Amino acid sequence: MLIFRAFETGHIEEYTDGIGCVICEDNDFLMVWDGARLDI
């Protein structure tokens, strides 16, 4: 799961243990499209 707020504010609220997920690398490109955001 990607928490968009972390990109907007720089405040990271959740972390992963790395099991069962894809880890993003420094040079990866992450794209967000309209409607992808959930208001939590």
C-alpha atoms as a PDB file:
ATOM      1  CA  MET A   1       0.000   0.000   0.000  1.00  0.00           C
ATOM      2  CA  LEU A   2       1.216   3.456  -0.831  1.00  0.00           C
ATOM      3  CA  ILE A   3       0.287   6.335   1.469  1.00  0.00           C
ATOM      4  CA  PHE A   4       0.193   9.426  -0.744  1.00  0.00           C
ATOM      5  CA  ARG A   5       0.366  11.735   2.272  1.00  0.00           C
ATOM      6  CA  ALA A   6       4.003  10.677   2.719  1.00  0.00           C
ATOM      7  CA  PHE A   7       4.831  12.201  -0.689  1.00  0.00           C
ATOM      8  CA  GLU A   8       2.854  15.364   0.005  1.00  0.00           C
ATOM      9  CA  THR A   9       4.094  16.088   3.524  1.00  0.00           C
ATOM     10  CA  GLY A  10       7.266  14.012   3.883  1.00  0.00           C
ATOM     11  CA  HIS A  11       5.767  12.460   7.036  1.00  0.00           C
ATOM     12  CA  ILE A  12       5.914   8.649   6.790  1.00  0.00           C
ATOM     13  CA  GLU A  13       3.299   7.023   9.033  1.00  0.00           C
ATOM     14  CA  GLU A  14       3.642   3.362   8.049  1.00  0.00           C
ATOM     15  CA  TYR A  15       6.486   1.027   7.141  1.00  0.00           C
ATOM     16  CA  THR A  16       6.715  -2.524   5.796  1.00  0.00           C
ATOM     17  CA  ASP A  17       8.735  -5.522   6.877  1.00  0.00           C
ATOM     18  CA  GLY A  18       9.440  -6.174   3.184  1.00  0.00           C
ATOM     19  CA  ILE A  19       7.719  -9.566   3.105  1.00  0.00           C
ATOM     20  CA  GLY A  20       5.155 -10.097   0.316  1.00  0.00           C
ATOM     21  CA  CYS A  21       5.547  -6.683  -1.294  1.00  0.00           C
ATOM     22  CA  VAL A  22       7.524  -4.885  -3.970  1.00  0.00           C
ATOM     23  CA  ILE A  23      10.124  -2.494  -2.570  1.00  0.00           C
ATOM     24  CA  CYS A  24      10.654   0.763  -4.486  1.00  0.00           C
ATOM     25  CA  GLU A  25      14.231   1.723  -5.234  1.00  0.00           C
ATOM     26  CA  ASP A  26      15.671   5.254  -5.287  1.00  0.00           C
ATOM     27  CA  ASN A  27      15.481   5.513  -9.097  1.00  0.00           C
ATOM     28  CA  ASP A  28      11.985   3.989  -9.509  1.00  0.00           C
ATOM     29  CA  PHE A  29       9.228   6.099 -11.036  1.00  0.00           C
ATOM     30  CA  LEU A  30       5.902   6.006  -9.166  1.00  0.00           C
ATOM     31  CA  MET A  31       2.828   7.395 -10.901  1.00  0.00           C
ATOM     32  CA  VAL A  32      -0.505   8.307  -9.307  1.00  0.00           C
ATOM     33  CA  TRP A  33      -3.638   8.765 -11.397  1.00  0.00           C
ATOM     34  CA  ASP A  34      -6.888  10.615 -10.686  1.00  0.00           C
ATOM     35  CA  GLY A  35      -9.200   8.583  -8.477  1.00  0.00           C
ATOM     36  CA  ALA A  36      -6.386   6.513  -6.943  1.00  0.00           C
ATOM     37  CA  ARG A  37      -6.429   8.423  -3.667  1.00  0.00           C
ATOM     38  CA  LEU A  38      -8.446   7.149  -0.713  1.00  0.00           C
ATOM     39  CA  ASP A  39      -9.484   9.665   1.917  1.00  0.00           C
ATOM     40  CA  ILE A  40      -8.388   7.959   5.118  1.00  0.00           C
END
